[in-house]
Amino acid sequence: MSDDRFLDRLRADARSLRYEVDPVTSTRLAARIRSRLTEPTISEFIAAWFRPLAASLSALALIAGIGIALLNRDQPVAIGDPIQYTVAGDTYNVGE
């Protein structure tokens, strides 16, 4: 073993770099822990479930709207254009 006190000097120099918790931070931390330990009220419980449900339904409505818009794009635009249907080899014109 050596008599070098390197680790002791390193600890002494690093002592000023240590993080000391101030009273304000410790109070905030304690309040946050206490708030998580309490059970939510009925209104908080409903709000926690309503937000994701509303977001999901909004996304579903948006997808449905886009789908309807894309389906309607495939339909003939002009009313006067004839529509042709072929059934069993026979061609029928509708709208003439």
PDB file of N, CA and C in Angstrom:
ATOM      1  N   MET A   1       0.844  -1.176   0.000  1.00  0.00           N
ATOM      2  CA  MET A   1       0.000   0.000   0.000  1.00  0.00           C
ATOM      3  C   MET A   1       0.887   1.237   0.000  1.00  0.00           C
ATOM      4  N   SER A   2       0.397   2.233  -0.646  1.00  0.00           N
ATOM      5  CA  SER A   2       1.180   3.466  -0.667  1.00  0.00           C
ATOM      6  C   SER A   2       0.598   4.438   0.352  1.00  0.00           C
ATOM      7  N   ASP A   3       1.387   5.383   0.679  1.00  0.00           N
ATOM      8  CA  ASP A   3       0.940   6.406   1.626  1.00  0.00           C
ATOM      9  C   ASP A   3       0.332   7.606   0.908  1.00  0.00           C
ATOM     10  N   ASP A   4       0.125   7.448  -0.375  1.00  0.00           N
ATOM     11  CA  ASP A   4      -0.441   8.540  -1.164  1.00  0.00           C
ATOM     12  C   ASP A   4      -1.898   8.762  -0.750  1.00  0.00           C
ATOM     13  N   ARG A   5      -2.238   9.947  -0.480  1.00  0.00           N
ATOM     14  CA  ARG A   5      -3.578  10.296  -0.028  1.00  0.00           C
ATOM     15  C   ARG A   5      -4.405  10.875  -1.190  1.00  0.00           C
ATOM     16  N   PHE A   6      -4.242  10.278  -2.352  1.00  0.00           N
ATOM     17  CA  PHE A   6      -4.932  10.793  -3.531  1.00  0.00           C
ATOM     18  C   PHE A   6      -6.452  10.748  -3.356  1.00  0.00           C
ATOM     19  N   LEU A   7      -6.970   9.622  -2.914  1.00  0.00           N
ATOM     20  CA  LEU A   7      -8.424   9.499  -2.766  1.00  0.00           C
ATOM     21  C   LEU A   7      -8.969  10.450  -1.709  1.00  0.00           C
ATOM     22  N   ASP A   8      -8.212  10.658  -0.650  1.00  0.00           N
ATOM     23  CA  ASP A   8      -8.653  11.610   0.375  1.00  0.00           C
ATOM     24  C   ASP A   8      -8.692  13.028  -0.182  1.00  0.00           C
ATOM     25  N   ARG A   9      -7.685  13.396  -0.972  1.00  0.00           N
ATOM     26  CA  ARG A   9      -7.664  14.727  -1.578  1.00  0.00           C
ATOM     27  C   ARG A   9      -8.789  14.859  -2.613  1.00  0.00           C
ATOM     28  N   LEU A  10      -9.042  13.790  -3.353  1.00  0.00           N
ATOM     29  CA  LEU A  10     -10.117  13.814  -4.348  1.00  0.00           C
ATOM     30  C   LEU A  10     -11.474  13.994  -3.681  1.00  0.00           C
ATOM     31  N   ARG A  11     -11.702  13.298  -2.581  1.00  0.00           N
ATOM     32  CA  ARG A  11     -12.958  13.465  -1.846  1.00  0.00           C
ATOM     33  C   ARG A  11     -13.098  14.878  -1.300  1.00  0.00           C
ATOM     34  N   ALA A  12     -12.033  15.418  -0.808  1.00  0.00           N
ATOM     35  CA  ALA A  12     -12.079  16.765  -0.248  1.00  0.00           C
ATOM     36  C   ALA A  12     -12.352  17.797  -1.336  1.00  0.00           C
ATOM     37  N   ASP A  13     -11.722  17.606  -2.496  1.00  0.00           N
ATOM     38  CA  ASP A  13     -11.961  18.546  -3.599  1.00  0.00           C
ATOM     39  C   ASP A  13     -13.381  18.411  -4.161  1.00  0.00           C
ATOM     40  N   ALA A  14     -13.909  17.204  -4.169  1.00  0.00           N
ATOM     41  CA  ALA A  14     -15.232  16.968  -4.741  1.00  0.00           C
ATOM     42  C   ALA A  14     -16.347  17.318  -3.774  1.00  0.00           C
ATOM     43  N   ARG A  15     -16.035  17.567  -2.538  1.00  0.00           N
ATOM     44  CA  ARG A  15     -17.055  17.876  -1.545  1.00  0.00           C
ATOM     45  C   ARG A  15     -17.859  19.117  -1.928  1.00  0.00           C
ATOM     46  N   SER A  16     -17.204  20.078  -2.579  1.00  0.00           N
ATOM     47  CA  SER A  16     -17.924  21.303  -2.968  1.00  0.00           C
ATOM     48  C   SER A  16     -18.854  21.057  -4.157  1.00  0.00           C
ATOM     49  N   LEU A  17     -18.675  19.965  -4.872  1.00  0.00           N
ATOM     50  CA  LEU A  17     -19.503  19.656  -6.037  1.00  0.00           C
ATOM     51  C   LEU A  17     -20.731  18.822  -5.695  1.00  0.00           C
ATOM     52  N   ARG A  18     -20.848  18.379  -4.478  1.00  0.00           N
ATOM     53  CA  ARG A  18     -21.994  17.557  -4.091  1.00  0.00           C
ATOM     54  C   ARG A  18     -23.283  18.353  -4.174  1.00  0.00           C
ATOM     55  N   TYR A  19     -24.335  17.646  -4.510  1.00  0.00           N
ATOM     56  CA  TYR A  19     -25.661  18.278  -4.592  1.00  0.00           C
ATOM     57  C   TYR A  19     -26.337  18.170  -3.249  1.00  0.00           C
ATOM     58  N   GLU A  20     -26.604  19.288  -2.666  1.00  0.00           N
ATOM     59  CA  GLU A  20     -27.311  19.334  -1.396  1.00  0.00           C
ATOM     60  C   GLU A  20     -28.738  19.805  -1.679  1.00  0.00           C
ATOM     61  N   VAL A  21     -29.709  19.070  -1.202  1.00  0.00           N
ATOM     62  CA  VAL A  21     -31.105  19.399  -1.439  1.00  0.00           C
ATOM     63  C   VAL A  21     -31.503  20.553  -0.534  1.00  0.00           C
ATOM     64  N   ASP A  22     -32.054  21.588  -1.159  1.00  0.00           N
ATOM     65  CA  ASP A  22     -32.510  22.728  -0.379  1.00  0.00           C
ATOM     66  C   ASP A  22     -33.927  22.452   0.135  1.00  0.00           C
ATOM     67  N   PRO A  23     -34.389  23.191   1.111  1.00  0.00           N
ATOM     68  CA  PRO A  23     -35.717  22.926   1.701  1.00  0.00           C
ATOM     69  C   PRO A  23     -36.864  23.049   0.706  1.00  0.00           C
ATOM     70  N   VAL A  24     -36.764  23.953  -0.265  1.00  0.00           N
ATOM     71  CA  VAL A  24     -37.845  24.140  -1.233  1.00  0.00           C
ATOM     72  C   VAL A  24     -37.995  22.879  -2.096  1.00  0.00           C
ATOM     73  N   THR A  25     -36.868  22.349  -2.558  1.00  0.00           N
ATOM     74  CA  THR A  25     -36.913  21.153  -3.393  1.00  0.00           C
ATOM     75  C   THR A  25     -37.432  19.953  -2.616  1.00  0.00           C
ATOM     76  N   SER A  26     -37.010  19.816  -1.392  1.00  0.00           N
ATOM     77  CA  SER A  26     -37.487  18.679  -0.606  1.00  0.00           C
ATOM     78  C   SER A  26     -38.987  18.792  -0.315  1.00  0.00           C
ATOM     79  N   THR A  27     -39.487  20.016  -0.125  1.00  0.00           N
ATOM     80  CA  THR A  27     -40.921  20.216   0.086  1.00  0.00           C
ATOM     81  C   THR A  27     -41.710  19.869  -1.170  1.00  0.00           C
ATOM     82  N   ARG A  28     -41.217  20.295  -2.325  1.00  0.00           N
ATOM     83  CA  ARG A  28     -41.889  19.969  -3.585  1.00  0.00           C
ATOM     84  C   ARG A  28     -41.895  18.467  -3.830  1.00  0.00           C
ATOM     85  N   LEU A  29     -40.794  17.819  -3.573  1.00  0.00           N
ATOM     86  CA  LEU A  29     -40.710  16.371  -3.759  1.00  0.00           C
ATOM     87  C   LEU A  29     -41.686  15.643  -2.844  1.00  0.00           C
ATOM     88  N   ALA A  30     -41.764  16.068  -1.596  1.00  0.00           N
ATOM     89  CA  ALA A  30     -42.698  15.446  -0.656  1.00  0.00           C
ATOM     90  C   ALA A  30     -44.142  15.663  -1.091  1.00  0.00           C
ATOM     91  N   ALA A  31     -44.459  16.858  -1.590  1.00  0.00           N
ATOM     92  CA  ALA A  31     -45.826  17.142  -2.050  1.00  0.00           C
ATOM     93  C   ALA A  31     -46.172  16.297  -3.266  1.00  0.00           C
ATOM     94  N   ARG A  32     -45.222  16.111  -4.170  1.00  0.00           N
ATOM     95  CA  ARG A  32     -45.483  15.287  -5.352  1.00  0.00           C
ATOM     96  C   ARG A  32     -45.720  13.832  -4.966  1.00  0.00           C
ATOM     97  N   ILE A  33     -44.959  13.329  -4.023  1.00  0.00           N
ATOM     98  CA  ILE A  33     -45.143  11.943  -3.562  1.00  0.00           C
ATOM     99  C   ILE A  33     -46.496  11.795  -2.876  1.00  0.00           C
ATOM    100  N   ARG A  34     -46.871  12.764  -2.033  1.00  0.00           N
ATOM    101  CA  ARG A  34     -48.163  12.707  -1.362  1.00  0.00           C
ATOM    102  C   ARG A  34     -49.325  12.759  -2.343  1.00  0.00           C
ATOM    103  N   SER A  35     -49.199  13.567  -3.391  1.00  0.00           N
ATOM    104  CA  SER A  35     -50.289  13.674  -4.366  1.00  0.00           C
ATOM    105  C   SER A  35     -50.466  12.377  -5.143  1.00  0.00           C
ATOM    106  N   ARG A  36     -49.404  11.640  -5.363  1.00  0.00           N
ATOM    107  CA  ARG A  36     -49.524  10.365  -6.069  1.00  0.00           C
ATOM    108  C   ARG A  36     -50.074   9.263  -5.170  1.00  0.00           C
ATOM    109  N   LEU A  37     -49.941   9.407  -3.890  1.00  0.00           N
ATOM    110  CA  LEU A  37     -50.435   8.387  -2.969  1.00  0.00           C
ATOM    111  C   LEU A  37     -51.926   8.519  -2.697  1.00  0.00           C
ATOM    112  N   THR A  38     -52.488   9.701  -2.877  1.00  0.00           N
ATOM    113  CA  THR A  38     -53.916   9.882  -2.639  1.00  0.00           C
ATOM    114  C   THR A  38     -54.708   9.344  -3.811  1.00  0.00           C
ATOM    115  N   GLU A  39     -55.883   8.827  -3.550  1.00  0.00           N
ATOM    116  CA  GLU A  39     -56.729   8.291  -4.614  1.00  0.00           C
ATOM    117  C   GLU A  39     -57.443   9.436  -5.314  1.00  0.00           C
ATOM    118  N   PRO A  40     -57.650   9.309  -6.626  1.00  0.00           N
ATOM    119  CA  PRO A  40     -58.305  10.402  -7.357  1.00  0.00           C
ATOM    120  C   PRO A  40     -59.792  10.480  -7.018  1.00  0.00           C
ATOM    121  N   THR A  41     -60.324  11.671  -7.151  1.00  0.00           N
ATOM    122  CA  THR A  41     -61.761  11.846  -6.941  1.00  0.00           C
ATOM    123  C   THR A  41     -62.500  11.320  -8.168  1.00  0.00           C
ATOM    124  N   ILE A  42     -63.808  11.280  -8.088  1.00  0.00           N
ATOM    125  CA  ILE A  42     -64.619  10.781  -9.200  1.00  0.00           C
ATOM    126  C   ILE A  42     -64.416  11.644 -10.445  1.00  0.00           C
ATOM    127  N   SER A  43     -64.394  12.955 -10.268  1.00  0.00           N
ATOM    128  CA  SER A  43     -64.222  13.837 -11.430  1.00  0.00           C
ATOM    129  C   SER A  43     -62.841  13.671 -12.063  1.00  0.00           C
ATOM    130  N   GLU A  44     -61.808  13.480 -11.244  1.00  0.00           N
ATOM    131  CA  GLU A  44     -60.468  13.237 -11.791  1.00  0.00           C
ATOM    132  C   GLU A  44     -60.408  11.901 -12.515  1.00  0.00           C
ATOM    133  N   PHE A  45     -61.090  10.907 -11.985  1.00  0.00           N
ATOM    134  CA  PHE A  45     -61.114   9.593 -12.612  1.00  0.00           C
ATOM    135  C   PHE A  45     -61.819   9.652 -13.972  1.00  0.00           C
ATOM    136  N   ILE A  46     -62.959  10.346 -14.027  1.00  0.00           N
ATOM    137  CA  ILE A  46     -63.693  10.476 -15.288  1.00  0.00           C
ATOM    138  C   ILE A  46     -62.876  11.283 -16.299  1.00  0.00           C
ATOM    139  N   ALA A  47     -62.238  12.354 -15.847  1.00  0.00           N
ATOM    140  CA  ALA A  47     -61.427  13.175 -16.749  1.00  0.00           C
ATOM    141  C   ALA A  47     -60.244  12.384 -17.298  1.00  0.00           C
ATOM    142  N   ALA A  48     -59.658  11.527 -16.487  1.00  0.00           N
ATOM    143  CA  ALA A  48     -58.519  10.735 -16.943  1.00  0.00           C
ATOM    144  C   ALA A  48     -58.929   9.741 -18.018  1.00  0.00           C
ATOM    145  N   TRP A  49     -60.153   9.259 -17.996  1.00  0.00           N
ATOM    146  CA  TRP A  49     -60.617   8.316 -19.017  1.00  0.00           C
ATOM    147  C   TRP A  49     -61.289   9.012 -20.185  1.00  0.00           C
ATOM    148  N   PHE A  50     -61.847  10.190 -19.972  1.00  0.00           N
ATOM    149  CA  PHE A  50     -62.577  10.874 -21.036  1.00  0.00           C
ATOM    150  C   PHE A  50     -61.642  11.447 -22.093  1.00  0.00           C
ATOM    151  N   ARG A  51     -60.508  11.978 -21.688  1.00  0.00           N
ATOM    152  CA  ARG A  51     -59.583  12.578 -22.652  1.00  0.00           C
ATOM    153  C   ARG A  51     -59.095  11.569 -23.686  1.00  0.00           C
ATOM    154  N   PRO A  52     -58.585  10.405 -23.297  1.00  0.00           N
ATOM    155  CA  PRO A  52     -58.161   9.445 -24.328  1.00  0.00           C
ATOM    156  C   PRO A  52     -59.333   8.931 -25.164  1.00  0.00           C
ATOM    157  N   LEU A  53     -60.492   8.776 -24.548  1.00  0.00           N
ATOM    158  CA  LEU A  53     -61.667   8.317 -25.294  1.00  0.00           C
ATOM    159  C   LEU A  53     -62.074   9.354 -26.337  1.00  0.00           C
ATOM    160  N   ALA A  54     -62.081  10.617 -25.961  1.00  0.00           N
ATOM    161  CA  ALA A  54     -62.428  11.684 -26.901  1.00  0.00           C
ATOM    162  C   ALA A  54     -61.397  11.766 -28.029  1.00  0.00           C
ATOM    163  N   ALA A  55     -60.129  11.600 -27.706  1.00  0.00           N
ATOM    164  CA  ALA A  55     -59.094  11.637 -28.745  1.00  0.00           C
ATOM    165  C   ALA A  55     -59.244  10.460 -29.708  1.00  0.00           C
ATOM    166  N   SER A  56     -59.571   9.289 -29.188  1.00  0.00           N
ATOM    167  CA  SER A  56     -59.759   8.116 -30.050  1.00  0.00           C
ATOM    168  C   SER A  56     -60.967   8.290 -30.963  1.00  0.00           C
ATOM    169  N   LEU A  57     -62.063   8.787 -30.426  1.00  0.00           N
ATOM    170  CA  LEU A  57     -63.245   9.003 -31.250  1.00  0.00           C
ATOM    171  C   LEU A  57     -63.017  10.097 -32.293  1.00  0.00           C
ATOM    172  N   SER A  58     -62.257  11.119 -31.948  1.00  0.00           N
ATOM    173  CA  SER A  58     -61.927  12.162 -32.914  1.00  0.00           C
ATOM    174  C   SER A  58     -61.072  11.603 -34.045  1.00  0.00           C
ATOM    175  N   ALA A  59     -60.102  10.758 -33.711  1.00  0.00           N
ATOM    176  CA  ALA A  59     -59.268  10.142 -34.740  1.00  0.00           C
ATOM    177  C   ALA A  59     -60.101   9.239 -35.634  1.00  0.00           C
ATOM    178  N   LEU A  60     -61.028   8.497 -35.049  1.00  0.00           N
ATOM    179  CA  LEU A  60     -61.906   7.624 -35.828  1.00  0.00           C
ATOM    180  C   LEU A  60     -62.795   8.435 -36.763  1.00  0.00           C
ATOM    181  N   ALA A  61     -63.324   9.554 -36.298  1.00  0.00           N
ATOM    182  CA  ALA A  61     -64.154  10.405 -37.145  1.00  0.00           C
ATOM    183  C   ALA A  61     -63.332  11.006 -38.285  1.00  0.00           C
ATOM    184  N   LEU A  62     -62.106  11.382 -38.017  1.00  0.00           N
ATOM    185  CA  LEU A  62     -61.233  11.920 -39.050  1.00  0.00           C
ATOM    186  C   LEU A  62     -60.933  10.876 -40.113  1.00  0.00           C
ATOM    187  N   ILE A  63     -60.634   9.654 -39.686  1.00  0.00           N
ATOM    188  CA  ILE A  63     -60.367   8.564 -40.628  1.00  0.00           C
ATOM    189  C   ILE A  63     -61.608   8.262 -41.458  1.00  0.00           C
ATOM    190  N   ALA A  64     -62.776   8.251 -40.828  1.00  0.00           N
ATOM    191  CA  ALA A  64     -64.014   8.000 -41.567  1.00  0.00           C
ATOM    192  C   ALA A  64     -64.274   9.104 -42.588  1.00  0.00           C
ATOM    193  N   GLY A  65     -64.041  10.339 -42.229  1.00  0.00           N
ATOM    194  CA  GLY A  65     -64.222  11.450 -43.162  1.00  0.00           C
ATOM    195  C   GLY A  65     -63.282  11.360 -44.350  1.00  0.00           C
ATOM    196  N   ILE A  66     -62.030  11.019 -44.085  1.00  0.00           N
ATOM    197  CA  ILE A  66     -61.071  10.860 -45.181  1.00  0.00           C
ATOM    198  C   ILE A  66     -61.465   9.679 -46.064  1.00  0.00           C
ATOM    199  N   GLY A  67     -61.912   8.597 -45.456  1.00  0.00           N
ATOM    200  CA  GLY A  67     -62.340   7.428 -46.228  1.00  0.00           C
ATOM    201  C   GLY A  67     -63.524   7.731 -47.120  1.00  0.00           C
ATOM    202  N   ILE A  68     -64.496   8.460 -46.602  1.00  0.00           N
ATOM    203  CA  ILE A  68     -65.671   8.813 -47.403  1.00  0.00           C
ATOM    204  C   ILE A  68     -65.269   9.734 -48.547  1.00  0.00           C
ATOM    205  N   ALA A  69     -64.355  10.653 -48.277  1.00  0.00           N
ATOM    206  CA  ALA A  69     -63.899  11.560 -49.331  1.00  0.00           C
ATOM    207  C   ALA A  69     -63.168  10.789 -50.436  1.00  0.00           C
ATOM    208  N   LEU A  70     -62.375   9.803 -50.043  1.00  0.00           N
ATOM    209  CA  LEU A  70     -61.656   9.017 -51.047  1.00  0.00           C
ATOM    210  C   LEU A  70     -62.601   8.098 -51.819  1.00  0.00           C
ATOM    211  N   LEU A  71     -63.620   7.560 -51.176  1.00  0.00           N
ATOM    212  CA  LEU A  71     -64.581   6.716 -51.877  1.00  0.00           C
ATOM    213  C   LEU A  71     -65.407   7.507 -52.872  1.00  0.00           C
ATOM    214  N   ASN A  72     -65.753   8.718 -52.521  1.00  0.00           N
ATOM    215  CA  ASN A  72     -66.553   9.545 -53.415  1.00  0.00           C
ATOM    216  C   ASN A  72     -65.751  10.041 -54.612  1.00  0.00           C
ATOM    217  N   ARG A  73     -64.438  10.039 -54.502  1.00  0.00           N
ATOM    218  CA  ARG A  73     -63.606  10.495 -55.600  1.00  0.00           C
ATOM    219  C   ARG A  73     -63.647   9.504 -56.763  1.00  0.00           C
ATOM    220  N   ASP A  74     -63.877   8.230 -56.501  1.00  0.00           N
ATOM    221  CA  ASP A  74     -63.929   7.214 -57.544  1.00  0.00           C
ATOM    222  C   ASP A  74     -65.231   7.258 -58.338  1.00  0.00           C
ATOM    223  N   GLN A  75     -66.238   7.916 -57.852  1.00  0.00           N
ATOM    224  CA  GLN A  75     -67.531   7.996 -58.521  1.00  0.00           C
ATOM    225  C   GLN A  75     -67.451   8.996 -59.672  1.00  0.00           C
ATOM    226  N   PRO A  76     -68.268   8.814 -60.712  1.00  0.00           N
ATOM    227  CA  PRO A  76     -68.280   9.786 -61.809  1.00  0.00           C
ATOM    228  C   PRO A  76     -68.709  11.154 -61.299  1.00  0.00           C
ATOM    229  N   VAL A  77     -68.046  12.175 -61.811  1.00  0.00           N
ATOM    230  CA  VAL A  77     -68.290  13.521 -61.316  1.00  0.00           C
ATOM    231  C   VAL A  77     -69.473  14.163 -62.038  1.00  0.00           C
ATOM    232  N   ALA A  78     -69.468  14.097 -63.363  1.00  0.00           N
ATOM    233  CA  ALA A  78     -70.512  14.765 -64.132  1.00  0.00           C
ATOM    234  C   ALA A  78     -71.774  13.910 -64.148  1.00  0.00           C
ATOM    235  N   ILE A  79     -72.916  14.563 -64.068  1.00  0.00           N
ATOM    236  CA  ILE A  79     -74.184  13.847 -64.048  1.00  0.00           C
ATOM    237  C   ILE A  79     -74.514  13.301 -65.431  1.00  0.00           C
ATOM    238  N   GLY A  80     -74.114  13.981 -66.488  1.00  0.00           N
ATOM    239  CA  GLY A  80     -74.462  13.580 -67.832  1.00  0.00           C
ATOM    240  C   GLY A  80     -73.609  12.440 -68.373  1.00  0.00           C
ATOM    241  N   ASP A  81     -72.534  12.069 -67.701  1.00  0.00           N
ATOM    242  CA  ASP A  81     -71.690  10.984 -68.202  1.00  0.00           C
ATOM    243  C   ASP A  81     -72.419   9.655 -68.083  1.00  0.00           C
ATOM    244  N   PRO A  82     -72.430   8.865 -69.162  1.00  0.00           N
ATOM    245  CA  PRO A  82     -73.086   7.558 -69.068  1.00  0.00           C
ATOM    246  C   PRO A  82     -72.247   6.581 -68.249  1.00  0.00           C
ATOM    247  N   ILE A  83     -72.915   5.736 -67.524  1.00  0.00           N
ATOM    248  CA  ILE A  83     -72.261   4.711 -66.720  1.00  0.00           C
ATOM    249  C   ILE A  83     -72.501   3.376 -67.407  1.00  0.00           C
ATOM    250  N   GLN A  84     -71.440   2.627 -67.617  1.00  0.00           N
ATOM    251  CA  GLN A  84     -71.569   1.339 -68.292  1.00  0.00           C
ATOM    252  C   GLN A  84     -71.384   0.209 -67.298  1.00  0.00           C
ATOM    253  N   TYR A  85     -72.312  -0.752 -67.368  1.00  0.00           N
ATOM    254  CA  TYR A  85     -72.216  -1.951 -66.545  1.00  0.00           C
ATOM    255  C   TYR A  85     -72.161  -3.148 -67.488  1.00  0.00           C
ATOM    256  N   THR A  86     -71.311  -4.087 -67.195  1.00  0.00           N
ATOM    257  CA  THR A  86     -71.218  -5.300 -67.996  1.00  0.00           C
ATOM    258  C   THR A  86     -71.606  -6.466 -67.115  1.00  0.00           C
ATOM    259  N   VAL A  87     -72.652  -7.184 -67.509  1.00  0.00           N
ATOM    260  CA  VAL A  87     -73.145  -8.348 -66.767  1.00  0.00           C
ATOM    261  C   VAL A  87     -73.285  -9.490 -67.768  1.00  0.00           C
ATOM    262  N   ALA A  88     -72.623 -10.575 -67.496  1.00  0.00           N
ATOM    263  CA  ALA A  88     -72.694 -11.797 -68.308  1.00  0.00           C
ATOM    264  C   ALA A  88     -72.415 -11.502 -69.777  1.00  0.00           C
ATOM    265  N   GLY A  89     -71.470 -10.617 -70.041  1.00  0.00           N
ATOM    266  CA  GLY A  89     -71.095 -10.312 -71.413  1.00  0.00           C
ATOM    267  C   GLY A  89     -71.917  -9.232 -72.067  1.00  0.00           C
ATOM    268  N   ASP A  90     -73.022  -8.827 -71.485  1.00  0.00           N
ATOM    269  CA  ASP A  90     -73.853  -7.766 -72.038  1.00  0.00           C
ATOM    270  C   ASP A  90     -73.479  -6.434 -71.385  1.00  0.00           C
ATOM    271  N   THR A  91     -73.395  -5.392 -72.177  1.00  0.00           N
ATOM    272  CA  THR A  91     -73.054  -4.064 -71.674  1.00  0.00           C
ATOM    273  C   THR A  91     -74.305  -3.207 -71.613  1.00  0.00           C
ATOM    274  N   TYR A  92     -74.537  -2.595 -70.458  1.00  0.00           N
ATOM    275  CA  TYR A  92     -75.702  -1.739 -70.263  1.00  0.00           C
ATOM    276  C   TYR A  92     -75.220  -0.317 -69.972  1.00  0.00           C
ATOM    277  N   ASN A  93     -75.825   0.650 -70.629  1.00  0.00           N
ATOM    278  CA  ASN A  93     -75.510   2.058 -70.401  1.00  0.00           C
ATOM    279  C   ASN A  93     -76.625   2.668 -69.550  1.00  0.00           C
ATOM    280  N   VAL A  94     -76.244   3.319 -68.495  1.00  0.00           N
ATOM    281  CA  VAL A  94     -77.208   3.973 -67.616  1.00  0.00           C
ATOM    282  C   VAL A  94     -76.933   5.472 -67.663  1.00  0.00           C
ATOM    283  N   GLY A  95     -77.943   6.239 -67.813  1.00  0.00           N
ATOM    284  CA  GLY A  95     -77.795   7.683 -67.810  1.00  0.00           C
ATOM    285  C   GLY A  95     -77.796   8.291 -69.195  1.00  0.00           C
ATOM    286  N   GLU A  96     -78.132   7.537 -70.211  1.00  0.00           N
ATOM    287  CA  GLU A  96     -78.212   8.108 -71.562  1.00  0.00           C
ATOM    288  C   GLU A  96     -79.582   8.628 -71.836  1.00  0.00           C
TER     289      GLU A  96
END
